[in-house]
Protein backbone atom coordinates (compact mmCIF):
# COMPACT_ATOMS: atom_id res chain seq x y z
CA MET A 1 0.20 0.00 0.15
CA ILE A 2 2.28 2.46 -0.98
CA ALA A 3 0.32 5.07 -2.94
CA VAL A 4 -1.01 7.07 0.31
CA GLN A 5 2.59 8.08 0.79
CA ALA A 6 2.99 8.71 -2.91
CA LEU A 7 0.11 10.99 -3.65
CA THR A 8 0.17 13.59 -0.70
CA PRO A 9 -1.58 16.93 -1.60
CA SER A 10 1.93 18.38 -1.98
CA ALA A 11 2.97 15.57 -4.24
CA LEU A 12 -0.26 14.87 -6.32
CA ILE A 13 -0.51 16.17 -9.90
CA GLY A 14 -3.19 14.42 -11.14
CA VAL A 15 -4.90 10.87 -11.66
CA TYR A 16 -4.98 9.50 -15.30
CA ARG A 17 -8.41 9.76 -16.25
CA GLN A 18 -7.92 11.47 -19.95
CA PRO A 19 -6.70 10.52 -23.08
CA PRO A 20 -2.58 10.48 -23.56
CA SER A 21 -1.97 14.13 -24.02
CA GLY A 22 -3.42 14.67 -20.68
CA LEU A 23 -0.51 13.66 -19.26
CA ALA A 24 1.69 16.13 -20.98
CA CYS A 25 -0.74 18.94 -19.92
CA ARG A 26 -0.64 18.08 -16.25
CA ALA A 27 3.05 17.92 -16.18
CA SER A 28 2.90 21.89 -15.91
CA ALA A 29 0.00 22.09 -13.68
CA VAL A 30 0.08 23.49 -10.13
CA ALA A 31 -0.35 20.63 -7.69
CA ILE A 32 -4.05 20.38 -6.43
CA ARG A 33 -5.34 19.97 -3.16
CA ILE A 34 -7.60 17.17 -2.29
CA SER A 35 -9.56 15.96 0.76
CA ARG A 36 -8.52 12.93 2.60
CA LEU A 37 -11.52 10.78 1.06
CA GLY A 38 -9.86 11.83 -2.44
CA VAL A 39 -6.29 10.51 -1.33
CA LEU A 40 -7.78 7.26 0.28
CA ALA A 41 -9.74 6.84 -3.13
CA VAL A 42 -6.51 7.44 -5.36
CA SER A 43 -4.79 5.25 -3.25
CA ILE A 44 -7.00 2.30 -3.71
CA PHE A 45 -6.90 2.86 -7.29
CA ILE A 46 -3.21 2.70 -7.22
CA ALA A 47 -2.91 -0.11 -5.04
CA ALA A 48 -5.02 -2.03 -7.13
CA SER A 49 -3.14 -1.47 -10.13
CA ALA A 50 -0.18 -2.46 -8.45
CA GLN A 51 -1.78 -6.01 -7.77
CA ALA A 52 -2.64 -6.27 -11.41
CA ALA A 53 0.18 -8.03 -13.10
CA GLU A 54 0.61 -4.94 -15.34
CA LEU A 55 3.84 -2.62 -15.72
CA ARG A 56 3.71 0.71 -16.97
CA ILE A 57 7.12 2.33 -18.28
CA GLY A 58 7.98 5.83 -19.21
CA LEU A 59 10.54 5.69 -21.84
CA SER A 60 12.77 8.74 -22.12
CA ALA A 61 13.19 9.13 -25.98
CA ASP A 62 10.82 8.41 -29.23
CA VAL A 63 10.54 4.91 -30.74
CA THR A 64 10.65 5.22 -34.54
CA THR A 65 9.82 1.64 -35.33
CA VAL A 66 9.50 -1.69 -34.00
CA ASP A 67 11.43 -3.25 -36.97
CA PRO A 68 14.43 -4.50 -35.06
CA HIS A 69 16.70 -4.15 -38.44
CA PHE A 70 15.82 -0.57 -39.52
CA LEU A 71 17.71 1.97 -37.01
CA ALA A 72 20.18 0.99 -34.29
CA ALA A 73 19.27 3.39 -31.86
CA GLN A 74 18.66 2.38 -28.29
CA PRO A 75 15.02 3.55 -27.95
CA ASN A 76 13.95 1.30 -30.66
CA LEU A 77 15.93 -1.66 -29.41
CA THR A 78 14.55 -1.12 -26.01
CA THR A 79 11.17 -1.95 -27.36
CA ALA A 80 12.31 -4.46 -29.86
CA ARG A 81 14.30 -6.62 -27.27
CA HIS A 82 10.93 -7.25 -25.44
CA MET A 83 9.68 -9.02 -28.62
CA PHE A 84 12.89 -10.26 -30.08
CA GLU A 85 16.05 -11.68 -28.97
CA SER A 86 19.69 -12.42 -30.21
CA LEU A 87 21.91 -15.66 -30.27
CA THR A 88 24.41 -14.18 -27.77
CA ASP A 89 23.08 -11.96 -24.87
CA VAL A 90 24.55 -9.61 -22.35
CA ASP A 91 23.99 -9.38 -18.49
CA GLU A 92 23.76 -6.12 -16.58
CA LYS A 93 27.59 -5.48 -16.77
CA THR A 94 27.58 -6.17 -20.62
CA ARG A 95 29.30 -9.40 -20.22
CA LEU A 96 28.57 -11.81 -23.03
CA ILE A 97 26.15 -14.75 -21.84
CA PRO A 98 23.96 -17.40 -23.87
CA GLY A 99 20.93 -15.94 -25.66
CA LEU A 100 19.25 -18.03 -28.41
CA ALA A 101 22.34 -19.93 -28.95
CA GLU A 102 23.16 -22.07 -25.93
CA SER A 103 26.79 -21.97 -26.83
CA TRP A 104 29.48 -20.88 -29.48
CA ARG A 105 33.10 -21.51 -30.43
CA ALA A 106 35.54 -20.62 -33.00
CA VAL A 107 35.86 -23.56 -35.01
CA ASP A 108 38.86 -21.96 -36.84
CA PRO A 109 40.19 -18.13 -37.05
CA THR A 110 37.33 -17.65 -39.70
CA THR A 111 34.57 -19.82 -38.53
CA TRP A 112 32.27 -19.43 -35.63
CA GLU A 113 29.81 -22.22 -34.95
CA PHE A 114 26.61 -21.37 -33.01
CA ARG A 115 24.50 -24.17 -31.30
CA LEU A 116 20.70 -23.11 -30.87
CA ARG A 117 18.48 -23.68 -28.17
CA ARG A 118 15.84 -26.47 -29.13
CA GLY A 119 12.45 -25.90 -28.43
CA VAL A 120 12.24 -22.30 -28.87
CA ARG A 121 8.96 -20.98 -30.41
CA PHE A 122 8.15 -17.98 -32.13
CA HIS A 123 5.01 -15.76 -31.06
CA ASP A 124 3.10 -17.73 -33.94
CA GLY A 125 3.82 -20.97 -32.22
CA SER A 126 6.40 -22.26 -35.00
CA GLU A 127 9.60 -23.25 -34.02
CA MET A 128 12.79 -21.39 -34.51
CA THR A 129 15.54 -23.01 -36.49
CA ALA A 130 18.69 -22.15 -38.38
CA GLU A 131 16.79 -21.05 -41.27
CA ASP A 132 15.32 -18.32 -39.17
CA VAL A 133 18.97 -17.29 -37.97
CA VAL A 134 20.43 -17.29 -41.53
CA PHE A 135 17.50 -15.23 -42.70
CA SER A 136 18.09 -12.67 -39.99
CA LEU A 137 21.45 -12.27 -40.57
CA ASP A 138 21.03 -11.43 -44.09
CA ARG A 139 18.16 -9.23 -43.63
CA PRO A 140 20.15 -5.96 -42.47
CA LEU A 141 21.75 -5.60 -45.85
CA THR A 142 18.61 -5.81 -47.49
CA ILE A 143 17.00 -2.67 -45.69
CA LYS A 144 16.57 0.48 -47.53
CA GLY A 145 16.35 4.02 -46.56
CA SER A 146 17.60 3.37 -42.87
CA PRO A 147 19.35 6.44 -41.30
CA GLY A 148 21.49 4.27 -39.26
CA GLY A 149 21.04 0.28 -39.39
CA PHE A 150 22.76 -2.81 -38.68
CA ALA A 151 24.67 -3.73 -41.64
CA SER A 152 28.00 -2.98 -39.93
CA PHE A 153 27.51 -6.02 -37.78
CA VAL A 154 27.16 -8.56 -40.63
CA ARG A 155 29.59 -6.73 -42.99
CA PRO A 156 32.44 -9.09 -41.82
CA ILE A 157 30.39 -12.25 -42.67
CA VAL A 158 31.08 -13.95 -46.25
CA ALA A 159 29.33 -17.31 -45.78
CA LYS A 160 26.69 -18.86 -43.69
CA GLU A 161 26.07 -22.80 -43.34
CA ILE A 162 23.31 -24.46 -41.76
CA VAL A 163 24.63 -27.80 -40.25
CA ASP A 164 21.38 -29.06 -39.11
CA PRO A 165 18.23 -27.25 -37.77
CA TYR A 166 19.78 -26.13 -34.68
CA THR A 167 23.60 -25.55 -35.74
CA VAL A 168 24.89 -22.37 -37.86
CA ARG A 169 28.22 -21.83 -38.84
CA VAL A 170 29.26 -18.35 -39.92
CA LYS A 171 32.46 -17.67 -41.84
CA THR A 172 34.48 -14.31 -42.24
CA ALA A 173 36.84 -13.27 -44.84
CA ALA A 174 39.52 -12.77 -42.16
CA PRO A 175 39.95 -13.83 -38.31
CA TYR A 176 37.25 -11.91 -36.47
CA GLY A 177 37.01 -12.34 -32.73
CA ALA A 178 34.29 -9.79 -32.31
CA LEU A 179 31.82 -11.96 -34.04
CA PRO A 180 29.89 -13.02 -31.06
CA GLN A 181 29.52 -9.32 -29.81
CA ASP A 182 28.48 -8.45 -33.16
CA ILE A 183 25.88 -11.06 -33.50
CA ASN A 184 24.20 -9.66 -30.21
CA SER A 185 23.22 -6.82 -32.18
CA ILE A 186 21.24 -8.80 -34.80
CA LEU A 187 17.76 -9.70 -33.52
CA ILE A 188 16.16 -12.90 -34.94
CA VAL A 189 12.98 -12.56 -36.73
CA SER A 190 10.54 -15.16 -38.43
CA ARG A 191 11.59 -15.68 -41.65
CA LYS A 192 8.14 -16.81 -42.62
CA ALA A 193 6.76 -13.75 -41.09
CA ALA A 194 9.37 -11.18 -42.11
CA ALA A 195 10.06 -12.16 -45.87
CA ARG A 196 9.54 -9.12 -47.98
CA ALA A 197 8.19 -7.33 -44.72
CA SER A 198 8.72 -3.63 -44.33
CA ALA A 199 8.93 -1.37 -41.24
CA GLU A 200 5.35 -0.70 -41.66
CA ASP A 201 4.50 -4.38 -41.35
CA PHE A 202 6.03 -4.60 -38.34
CA ASP A 203 4.65 -1.48 -36.83
CA ALA A 204 1.41 -2.90 -37.81
CA GLY A 205 2.16 -6.22 -35.95
CA ARG A 206 1.99 -8.24 -39.08
CA ALA A 207 5.63 -9.09 -39.21
CA ALA A 208 6.27 -8.50 -35.54
CA VAL A 209 6.70 -12.19 -34.97
CA GLY A 210 9.56 -12.89 -32.54
CA THR A 211 10.58 -15.35 -29.73
CA GLY A 212 10.78 -12.68 -26.77
CA PRO A 213 8.98 -12.76 -23.50
CA TYR A 214 6.41 -10.20 -24.88
CA ARG A 215 4.39 -10.16 -28.27
CA LEU A 216 3.23 -6.92 -29.79
CA VAL A 217 -0.59 -5.64 -29.27
CA ARG A 218 -0.38 -2.16 -30.40
CA PHE A 219 2.09 0.48 -31.44
CA VAL A 220 0.86 3.98 -31.34
CA ARG A 221 3.52 5.93 -32.94
CA GLY A 222 4.88 8.64 -30.48
CA ASP A 223 2.48 7.43 -27.48
CA ARG A 224 2.68 3.97 -26.75
CA ILE A 225 3.82 0.49 -27.21
CA GLU A 226 1.40 -2.31 -25.76
CA LEU A 227 2.88 -5.90 -25.04
CA ALA A 228 1.30 -8.86 -23.62
CA ARG A 229 3.31 -11.65 -22.32
CA PHE A 230 4.10 -14.53 -24.67
CA GLU A 231 2.98 -17.64 -22.59
CA GLY A 232 5.15 -19.86 -24.99
CA TYR A 233 8.25 -18.07 -23.67
CA TRP A 234 11.10 -20.57 -23.50
CA GLY A 235 13.00 -18.50 -20.61
CA ALA A 236 11.81 -17.52 -17.26
CA ARG A 237 7.95 -16.54 -16.96
CA PRO A 238 7.70 -12.69 -16.64
CA ALA A 239 5.97 -11.15 -13.76
CA TRP A 240 3.87 -9.18 -15.91
CA ASP A 241 0.77 -10.11 -18.02
CA ARG A 242 0.71 -6.79 -19.68
CA VAL A 243 3.23 -3.96 -20.42
CA THR A 244 2.75 -0.40 -21.70
CA LEU A 245 5.76 1.24 -22.66
CA ARG A 246 4.72 5.03 -22.70
CA ILE A 247 6.82 7.33 -24.99
CA LEU A 248 7.76 10.46 -22.89
CA PRO A 249 10.71 12.58 -24.10
CA SER A 250 9.74 15.42 -21.89
CA ASP A 251 11.69 14.89 -18.64
CA PRO A 252 8.87 16.85 -16.53
CA VAL A 253 6.23 14.62 -18.15
CA ARG A 254 7.76 11.30 -17.07
CA THR A 255 8.35 12.84 -13.36
CA ALA A 256 5.05 14.04 -13.09
CA GLY A 257 3.78 10.53 -14.07
CA ILE A 258 5.36 8.53 -11.52
CA LEU A 259 4.48 10.85 -8.67
CA ALA A 260 0.92 10.83 -9.93
CA GLY A 261 0.92 7.16 -10.15
CA GLU A 262 0.20 7.06 -13.38
CA LEU A 263 3.62 5.02 -14.18
CA ASP A 264 5.36 2.36 -12.16
CA VAL A 265 8.83 3.15 -13.53
CA ILE A 266 10.70 5.83 -15.57
CA GLU A 267 13.87 5.57 -17.04
CA HIS A 268 16.76 8.40 -17.63
CA ILE A 269 15.82 10.28 -14.42
CA PRO A 270 16.72 14.34 -15.07
CA THR A 271 19.34 15.49 -12.63
CA ALA A 272 17.04 18.26 -11.28
CA ASP A 273 14.51 15.70 -9.86
CA ILE A 274 16.85 13.05 -8.51
CA ALA A 275 17.13 14.79 -4.95
CA ARG A 276 13.06 14.96 -4.97
CA LEU A 277 12.29 11.38 -6.24
CA ARG A 278 15.01 9.82 -3.69
CA ALA A 279 13.37 11.63 -0.90
CA ASN A 280 10.09 10.47 -1.83
CA PRO A 281 9.16 7.48 0.67
CA SER A 282 7.07 5.78 -2.27
CA LEU A 283 9.84 5.43 -4.68
CA ARG A 284 12.99 3.73 -5.11
CA LEU A 285 16.07 4.57 -7.47
CA VAL A 286 18.74 2.30 -8.82
CA GLN A 287 21.97 4.06 -10.65
CA THR A 288 25.07 2.77 -12.18
CA VAL A 289 27.90 4.30 -14.63
CA SER A 290 26.48 3.77 -18.02
CA TRP A 291 28.38 2.70 -21.25
CA ARG A 292 27.23 5.69 -22.87
CA THR A 293 29.90 8.49 -23.46
CA ILE A 294 28.80 12.00 -24.55
CA PHE A 295 31.39 13.68 -27.07
CA PHE A 296 31.30 16.04 -30.05
CA HIS A 297 32.31 15.19 -33.73
CA LEU A 298 33.98 18.16 -35.41
CA ASP A 299 33.79 18.23 -39.34
CA GLN A 300 37.30 17.31 -40.28
CA ALA A 301 36.63 16.78 -43.95
CA SER A 302 34.81 19.77 -45.64
CA ALA A 303 36.79 22.60 -47.05
CA GLU A 304 34.02 24.90 -45.64
CA PRO A 305 32.04 23.18 -42.77
CA PRO A 306 28.52 24.25 -42.16
CA ALA A 307 28.05 27.43 -39.56
CA VAL A 308 32.02 28.01 -39.26
CA ALA A 309 33.12 31.35 -40.09
CA ALA A 310 35.26 34.41 -38.94
CA LYS A 311 33.47 36.09 -36.28
CA SER A 312 32.73 38.94 -39.18
CA GLY A 313 30.70 36.20 -41.15
CA LYS A 314 33.32 35.89 -43.85
CA PRO A 315 34.47 32.25 -44.87
CA LEU A 316 37.83 31.03 -43.39
CA ALA A 317 40.64 30.34 -45.62
CA ARG A 318 40.34 26.86 -44.27
CA ASN A 319 38.70 24.42 -42.33
CA PRO A 320 40.17 25.00 -38.73
CA PHE A 321 38.86 21.62 -37.13
CA SER A 322 41.34 19.74 -39.61
CA ASP A 323 44.29 21.26 -37.41
CA ILE A 324 44.84 19.19 -34.26
CA ARG A 325 45.91 22.40 -32.57
CA VAL A 326 42.57 23.88 -32.58
CA ARG A 327 40.94 20.59 -31.88
CA ARG A 328 43.16 20.41 -28.81
CA ALA A 329 42.46 23.94 -27.87
CA ILE A 330 38.62 22.95 -27.83
CA SER A 331 39.49 20.27 -25.60
CA MET A 332 41.35 22.32 -23.32
CA ALA A 333 38.76 25.03 -23.17
CA ILE A 334 36.16 22.49 -21.79
CA ASN A 335 35.81 21.97 -18.18
CA ARG A 336 34.58 18.50 -17.99
CA THR A 337 34.90 18.52 -14.18
CA ALA A 338 32.39 21.48 -13.84
CA ILE A 339 30.13 20.03 -16.46
CA ALA A 340 29.89 16.68 -14.51
CA GLU A 341 29.49 18.43 -11.02
CA ARG A 342 27.37 21.40 -12.22
CA VAL A 343 25.71 20.79 -15.28
CA MET A 344 24.92 17.08 -14.95
CA GLU A 345 24.91 17.49 -10.70
CA GLY A 346 27.03 14.80 -10.26
CA LEU A 347 25.37 12.23 -12.85
CA ALA A 348 28.49 12.18 -14.87
CA ILE A 349 32.43 11.35 -14.78
CA PRO A 350 34.86 13.14 -17.04
CA ALA A 351 35.94 11.39 -20.11
CA ALA A 352 39.13 10.34 -21.75
CA ASN A 353 37.95 7.41 -23.63
CA LEU A 354 35.09 6.43 -25.99
CA VAL A 355 33.91 3.59 -23.72
CA SER A 356 33.22 4.09 -19.97
CA PRO A 357 35.46 2.28 -17.19
CA GLY A 358 34.73 -1.47 -16.96
CA VAL A 359 33.84 -1.73 -20.61
CA PHE A 360 36.16 -4.04 -22.80
CA GLY A 361 38.85 -2.17 -24.09
CA HIS A 362 38.61 0.95 -21.89
CA ASN A 363 42.13 2.33 -21.35
CA PRO A 364 42.63 3.46 -17.91
CA GLU A 365 46.04 5.18 -18.49
CA LEU A 366 44.25 8.06 -20.66
CA LYS A 367 43.19 10.68 -18.27
CA SER A 368 40.70 13.45 -19.18
CA GLN A 369 42.21 16.74 -20.44
CA PRO A 370 42.55 19.39 -17.82
CA HIS A 371 40.70 22.66 -18.27
CA ASP A 372 43.31 25.07 -19.57
CA PRO A 373 41.79 28.23 -21.19
CA GLU A 374 45.21 30.11 -21.26
CA GLY A 375 46.67 26.94 -23.27
CA ALA A 376 43.86 26.86 -25.61
CA ARG A 377 44.15 30.75 -26.46
CA ARG A 378 47.77 29.87 -27.26
CA LEU A 379 47.11 27.07 -29.54
CA LEU A 380 44.64 29.20 -31.20
CA LYS A 381 46.90 31.65 -31.79
CA GLU A 382 49.59 29.34 -32.93
CA ALA A 383 47.27 27.82 -35.33
CA GLY A 384 46.47 31.13 -37.14
CA TYR A 385 43.23 32.13 -35.11
CA PRO A 386 44.44 34.91 -32.80
CA ASP A 387 40.68 36.21 -32.64
CA GLY A 388 39.23 32.96 -32.75
CA PHE A 389 36.11 32.25 -35.11
CA ALA A 390 32.41 31.62 -34.97
CA VAL A 391 30.70 28.07 -34.93
CA THR A 392 27.33 26.73 -34.04
CA VAL A 393 27.22 23.85 -31.63
CA ALA A 394 24.33 21.30 -32.49
CA ALA A 395 22.70 18.95 -30.13
CA PRO A 396 19.60 17.08 -29.61
CA ASN A 397 17.38 18.39 -26.67
CA ASN A 398 15.56 15.06 -25.81
CA ARG A 399 18.08 12.31 -26.14
CA TYR A 400 20.68 12.49 -23.37
CA VAL A 401 20.67 13.41 -19.51
CA ASN A 402 20.75 17.47 -20.00
CA ASP A 403 21.95 17.38 -23.55
CA GLU A 404 21.04 20.68 -24.67
CA GLN A 405 22.65 22.39 -20.99
CA VAL A 406 25.79 20.45 -21.70
CA ALA A 407 25.71 22.00 -25.28
CA GLN A 408 25.09 25.46 -23.94
CA ALA A 409 27.94 25.02 -21.20
CA VAL A 410 30.63 24.03 -24.14
CA ALA A 411 29.48 26.91 -25.99
CA GLN A 412 30.18 29.28 -23.12
CA MET A 413 33.34 27.68 -22.24
CA LEU A 414 34.47 28.27 -25.99
CA ALA A 415 33.57 31.78 -25.91
CA ARG A 416 35.66 32.48 -23.08
CA VAL A 417 38.90 31.44 -25.40
CA GLY A 418 37.69 33.46 -28.25
CA ILE A 419 35.49 30.95 -30.07
CA ALA A 420 32.03 32.77 -30.56
CA ALA A 421 29.56 29.59 -30.18
CA LYS A 422 25.79 29.57 -30.23
CA VAL A 423 23.83 26.42 -29.83
CA GLU A 424 21.06 24.91 -32.02
CA ALA A 425 18.98 22.22 -30.24
CA MET A 426 16.37 20.30 -31.63
CA PRO A 427 14.11 17.07 -31.09
CA LEU A 428 16.28 13.60 -31.79
CA SER A 429 13.93 12.76 -34.74
CA VAL A 430 15.00 15.87 -36.69
CA TYR A 431 18.51 15.97 -35.50
CA PHE A 432 19.84 12.68 -36.65
CA PRO A 433 18.99 12.76 -39.96
CA ARG A 434 20.53 16.40 -40.21
CA ALA A 435 23.54 15.25 -38.58
CA ARG A 436 23.85 12.23 -40.70
CA LYS A 437 23.53 14.25 -43.67
CA HIS A 438 26.54 16.47 -42.44
CA GLU A 439 24.67 19.75 -41.84
CA PHE A 440 26.70 20.15 -38.53
CA ALA A 441 30.17 20.99 -38.26
CA PHE A 442 30.24 20.74 -34.19
CA ALA A 443 27.82 17.88 -33.34
CA MET A 444 26.91 16.04 -30.02
CA LEU A 445 26.70 12.36 -29.92
CA GLY A 446 26.15 9.75 -27.24
CA TRP A 447 27.23 6.13 -27.81
CA GLY A 448 27.25 3.12 -25.90
CA SER A 449 29.17 0.08 -27.09
CA PHE A 450 30.26 -3.38 -25.64
CA ALA A 451 33.81 -2.97 -26.58
CA GLY A 452 36.36 -0.47 -27.48
CA ASP A 453 37.17 -1.49 -30.78
CA LEU A 454 33.44 -1.74 -31.74
CA ALA A 455 33.00 1.80 -30.66
CA LEU A 456 36.20 2.79 -32.81
CA ARG A 457 35.07 0.92 -35.67
CA SER A 458 31.40 2.82 -35.92
CA LEU A 459 32.97 6.50 -34.75
CA VAL A 460 36.08 7.22 -35.99
CA ALA A 461 37.31 4.40 -38.42
CA SER A 462 37.22 5.76 -42.03
CA PRO A 463 33.85 5.40 -43.53
CA ASP A 464 33.81 2.49 -45.56
CA PRO A 465 30.58 0.90 -46.24
CA ASP A 466 31.51 -1.90 -47.80
CA ARG A 467 33.54 -3.21 -44.67
CA GLY A 468 31.02 -1.44 -42.24
CA TYR A 469 33.62 0.94 -40.98
CA GLY A 470 32.65 4.69 -39.79
CA ALA A 471 28.83 4.37 -40.04
CA TRP A 472 28.69 6.81 -37.56
CA ASN A 473 31.84 8.92 -38.08
CA TRP A 474 30.11 12.24 -38.59
CA ALA A 475 33.19 14.11 -38.43
CA ARG A 476 34.84 12.04 -41.41
CA TYR A 477 38.02 11.66 -39.74
CA ALA A 478 40.39 9.40 -41.12
CA ASN A 479 44.01 7.83 -39.94
CA PRO A 480 44.90 4.75 -42.03
CA ARG A 481 47.02 3.72 -38.91
CA LEU A 482 44.05 3.74 -36.75
CA ASP A 483 42.03 1.95 -39.11
CA GLN A 484 44.72 -0.89 -39.32
CA MET A 485 44.98 -1.04 -35.51
CA VAL A 486 41.01 -1.31 -35.11
CA GLN A 487 41.21 -4.31 -37.69
CA GLN A 488 43.82 -6.03 -35.93
CA SER A 489 42.10 -5.76 -32.58
CA LEU A 490 38.72 -6.93 -34.07
CA ALA A 491 40.66 -10.02 -35.80
CA ALA A 492 41.98 -11.24 -32.62
CA VAL A 493 40.24 -14.14 -31.33
CA ASP A 494 42.32 -14.45 -27.82
CA GLU A 495 40.45 -11.92 -25.88
CA LYS A 496 43.44 -10.66 -23.67
CA ARG A 497 45.29 -9.75 -26.80
CA ARG A 498 42.34 -8.31 -28.17
CA GLU A 499 41.58 -5.82 -25.19
CA ALA A 500 45.37 -4.86 -25.62
CA LEU A 501 44.83 -3.85 -29.07
CA ALA A 502 41.85 -2.20 -28.36
CA ARG A 503 43.39 0.01 -25.75
CA GLU A 504 46.28 1.00 -27.84
CA ALA A 505 43.85 1.88 -30.57
CA GLN A 506 41.77 4.06 -28.21
CA ALA A 507 44.88 5.87 -26.94
CA VAL A 508 45.69 6.58 -30.87
CA ALA A 509 42.08 7.86 -31.53
CA MET A 510 42.07 10.13 -28.35
CA ASN A 511 45.75 11.22 -28.60
CA ASP A 512 44.46 12.58 -32.14
CA LEU A 513 41.28 13.98 -30.87
CA ALA A 514 39.25 12.30 -33.35
CA VAL A 515 36.36 13.38 -31.35
CA ILE A 516 36.11 15.52 -28.08
CA PRO A 517 35.19 13.36 -25.33
CA ILE A 518 32.99 15.10 -22.55
CA HIS A 519 31.78 12.89 -20.12
CA HIS A 520 30.29 9.33 -19.30
CA GLN A 521 26.74 9.40 -18.10
CA LEU A 522 25.32 7.77 -14.94
CA VAL A 523 21.96 6.35 -15.58
CA THR A 524 19.22 6.12 -13.21
CA TRP A 525 15.80 4.32 -12.85
CA ALA A 526 12.96 5.59 -10.51
CA MET A 527 10.31 2.96 -9.59
CA ARG A 528 7.54 2.44 -7.21
CA LYS A 529 8.41 0.71 -4.00
CA GLY A 530 7.64 -2.86 -4.13
CA LEU A 531 9.70 -3.19 -7.50
CA THR A 532 13.31 -4.51 -7.84
CA TYR A 533 15.60 -4.05 -10.97
CA THR A 534 19.39 -4.37 -11.47
CA ALA A 535 20.71 -1.28 -12.76
CA ARG A 536 22.31 -1.76 -16.57
CA THR A 537 25.41 -0.37 -17.75
CA ASP A 538 24.03 -0.78 -21.17
CA GLU A 539 20.91 1.57 -20.15
CA PHE A 540 18.24 -0.53 -21.27
CA THR A 541 15.03 -0.88 -19.55
CA PHE A 542 13.56 -4.30 -19.79
CA ALA A 543 9.86 -4.85 -18.39
CA HIS A 544 10.83 -8.53 -17.95
CA HIS A 545 13.79 -7.74 -15.63
CA PHE A 546 11.54 -5.79 -13.15
CA ARG A 547 10.49 -8.15 -10.23
CA PRO A 548 7.69 -7.58 -7.36
CA GLN A 549 9.76 -7.21 -4.27
CA PRO A 550 9.39 -10.07 -2.04
């Protein structure tokens, strides 16, 4: 009976009795006063909901499709992984564990064998076999129009062999130790249901046939995803009959929802609300260091990068970001400690790597760039910009924790060393397509990865669609030496050797300031008392991992 404490007159914002838009409207409403009888009635309503096997989760970002192969973005994957599963899985610390494959092994340096679980059923009752696996590994390469798909995870594969209905062998052109981690990113779909299916077919439910613990009931774009427990699931039975994933990018709306009892769980708690939610006796918070690193891409390829000019507005003679002295000056101008402690209110740690501490390939010898505005000004002068220049800092305003505020802080710090910076922030749905078309010269990105070499391959390796390299290299940074180091690291089947190579490659990329790292996020969930959840390094919010507290 937790609702009486949760819905005190000072905390109550409203009871959900309206269409979906009502939640957003009430987020800005003044807390209303109610009678003791009203509090009791609301508490009974919430307590009854708590007893029902239903979980209501407030997601922090938009879900654009439930097609698991269309866009490699975490909000989409959060939803998809309720319905679909991969051959390899990861635990809460991103350590590789069995998934739909009960085991795997390197038969030789270029061949991996995956032994599938027997008796796994799709939502339509059909059995999952090696044919579905091979189809799912092929499908990402057939997707058209994706703003950022999964092709890079299957590019190394040159052949697939069905040994028997429960054994698949995958061959690569060269030794490739990262294959089991790449395979984790490919969710398995039903060949029968997904053949010739479009993203629209998945969103309508016609093709959304997976093996996961939940099946799709309804996807309402921009509003919610409704799921029902799959009674034929091969794994542990989830605690919840029904799950509703509410799409609520607005931080105040999510906070209002859990305080009003309209939501049971919210993810990515805004820094401004941490103390208030932690002090609420009806709620509990869990937190960990995320795998997500926040950094900035600087366009190093364009002769005239967009929105970069002299302070007078005239074009510059050359691209300043192609000069490592300018990139280093920018890095020195940024006070990462201040951002972590003040802007992020302690929910971040300064970054010197592309992957967080504890993630495979993190290089602990790299240290965060000290704040040195005088040194930054000297380097700008040495590079030929004694008076600085003007630039626009682009960022999303609804994807990462305090993303726009971080961009504003960076702009102010750049201004103090002579770089006149203004911020252009926008919703993620607008930001990503523009960024991928290279419309921004100074662009924020947040990235989480299972391994340092995988992050380097996607973010700073020279763009090469045929090899699947540089898919998210917005800066179009290119360093043949780094490309070779990443390739060597990914090829190593021995894990210790691979990690050593990944750390060396990380040092090269960071010393060259291929990107400007800012911080590693801490990630926080809030939930009503009576629920337990193990905070995940990968930031995923999975309904089937929430349990009623004994």
